Protein backbone atom coordinates (compact mmCIF):
# COMPACT_ATOMS: atom_id res chain seq x y z
CA MET A 1 0.00 -0.07 0.07
CA ARG A 2 1.21 3.47 -0.60
CA ARG A 3 -0.29 6.99 0.24
CA PHE A 4 -0.27 9.88 -2.12
CA VAL A 5 -1.47 13.60 -1.16
CA TYR A 6 -3.46 15.87 -3.12
CA ASN A 7 -2.84 19.46 -1.85
CA ILE A 8 -5.96 21.86 -1.27
CA ASN A 9 -4.68 25.54 -0.59
CA LYS A 10 -6.99 28.42 -0.79
CA GLN A 11 -6.49 32.11 0.83
CA ALA A 12 -9.80 33.45 2.22
CA ALA A 13 -9.56 36.36 -0.48
CA ASP A 14 -9.27 34.24 -3.08
CA PRO A 15 -12.31 34.23 -5.66
CA ASP A 16 -14.81 31.48 -5.53
CA SER A 17 -13.67 28.66 -7.96
CA THR A 18 -14.32 25.25 -9.16
CA SER A 19 -11.84 22.84 -10.18
CA ASN A 20 -11.94 19.53 -11.90
CA GLU A 21 -8.62 18.11 -11.79
CA VAL A 22 -7.33 14.41 -12.43
CA VAL A 23 -5.17 12.95 -9.88
CA SER A 24 -2.50 10.47 -11.09
CA PHE A 25 -1.77 7.06 -8.60
CA GLU A 26 1.07 5.51 -10.66
CA ASP A 27 0.54 1.85 -10.81
CA TYR A 28 -1.83 1.50 -8.62
CA THR A 29 -5.26 -0.15 -9.44
CA GLU A 30 -7.35 -0.08 -6.10
CA LEU A 31 -8.31 3.00 -3.85
CA VAL A 32 -8.82 1.84 -0.36
CA GLY A 33 -9.17 5.31 1.20
CA VAL A 34 -8.87 9.00 1.77
CA SER A 35 -9.05 11.48 4.48
CA PHE A 36 -8.36 15.18 4.93
CA VAL A 37 -5.38 16.17 7.17
CA GLY A 38 -4.90 20.07 7.51
CA ALA A 39 -7.19 23.14 8.68
CA HIS A 40 -9.94 25.15 7.51
CA GLY A 41 -12.36 27.66 8.65
CA ALA A 42 -15.91 27.53 7.75
CA ASN A 43 -17.45 25.01 5.41
CA ASN A 44 -16.53 26.90 2.38
CA ILE A 45 -15.49 24.03 0.29
CA ASP A 46 -17.19 21.01 -0.86
CA VAL A 47 -15.13 18.51 -2.60
CA GLU A 48 -16.44 15.26 -4.61
CA ILE A 49 -14.29 11.92 -5.54
CA ARG A 50 -15.26 10.59 -9.47
CA SER A 51 -13.79 7.90 -11.53
CA HIS A 52 -11.27 9.02 -14.02
CA ASN A 53 -13.53 9.60 -16.91
CA GLY A 54 -16.29 11.40 -14.11
CA LYS A 55 -19.05 9.00 -14.77
CA GLU A 56 -19.06 7.08 -11.34
CA SER A 57 -19.48 9.30 -8.22
CA PHE A 58 -17.21 7.34 -5.30
CA ILE A 59 -17.96 10.33 -3.19
CA ASP A 60 -21.06 13.01 -3.80
CA SER A 61 -19.93 16.38 -3.07
CA VAL A 62 -19.76 17.16 0.41
CA PRO A 63 -17.97 19.66 2.83
CA LEU A 64 -14.40 18.97 3.50
CA GLU A 65 -15.37 18.58 7.37
CA TYR A 66 -16.76 14.83 5.69
CA TYR A 67 -12.99 13.82 5.08
CA LYS A 68 -11.30 15.30 8.18
CA ILE A 69 -9.57 12.79 10.23
CA GLY A 70 -9.39 13.37 13.93
CA THR A 71 -11.79 13.63 16.74
CA GLY A 72 -13.12 9.99 16.63
CA ARG A 73 -12.86 10.28 12.95
CA GLU A 74 -10.99 7.70 10.79
CA GLU A 75 -10.31 7.55 6.92
CA ILE A 76 -12.89 6.64 4.79
CA ILE A 77 -12.83 3.33 3.29
CA LEU A 78 -13.73 2.98 -0.72
CA HIS A 79 -12.19 -0.22 -1.77
CA LYS A 80 -12.61 1.01 -5.48
CA GLN A 81 -10.90 -0.03 -8.31
CA ILE A 82 -10.01 2.51 -10.65
CA THR A 83 -8.91 2.54 -14.39
CA ASN A 84 -6.17 4.40 -15.61
CA ASN A 85 -4.43 4.55 -12.25
CA SER A 86 -6.40 7.86 -12.02
CA ILE A 87 -9.51 9.27 -10.39
CA ARG A 88 -11.06 13.24 -10.68
CA VAL A 89 -11.55 15.40 -7.46
CA ARG A 90 -13.94 18.14 -8.09
CA THR A 91 -13.68 21.22 -5.74
CA SER A 92 -16.13 24.31 -5.12
CA PHE A 93 -14.76 26.82 -3.24
CA VAL A 94 -16.38 29.91 -1.87
CA SER A 95 -14.58 32.75 -0.36
CA GLY A 96 -14.29 34.08 3.34
CA SER A 97 -11.98 31.51 4.92
CA ASP A 98 -8.75 29.64 4.22
CA VAL A 99 -8.12 26.43 3.66
CA LYS A 100 -4.68 24.23 4.12
CA GLY A 101 -4.10 20.90 3.83
CA ALA A 102 -4.31 17.66 1.67
CA LEU A 103 -6.28 14.47 0.97
CA VAL A 104 -4.45 11.86 1.56
CA PHE A 105 -5.68 8.65 -0.86
CA THR A 106 -4.20 5.43 0.13
CA CYS A 107 -4.12 2.88 -2.76
CA LYS A 108 -2.86 -0.38 -3.30
CA LYS A 109 -1.87 -2.78 -6.81
C-alpha cells in the first residue's frame, strides 16, 4: 500500500472557484481510502471524488469536514477499483476562510 497527497490551499480572499482535476496514482489500481489532514475555517469548500472519466461518483459532493480525520473520525474506506490509475477530484470553493491541507489517498496494487 502507498499514500498519495493532493494539496488543497486556498486563501480567504481568493475568489469563488471550482476545479475538476485528475489525480494519478502511478501503477496502483485500487483506491482503498481517503481522508483530509489540515485546517479550514468555515465549511466553504465542497469536495467530490469521481472515477477518472467522471462517470461514476465514489463520494458525492460534501463539505471538506466530511473527510477530516481526527476527533473520532477515521479514513473513509472505499475499496474501489480504478482505471487508468487515476481519479477526478472536483472542488467548489467559496471565499471567506482559509483552507490549507491535503486529501490523503491510500492505494494498493
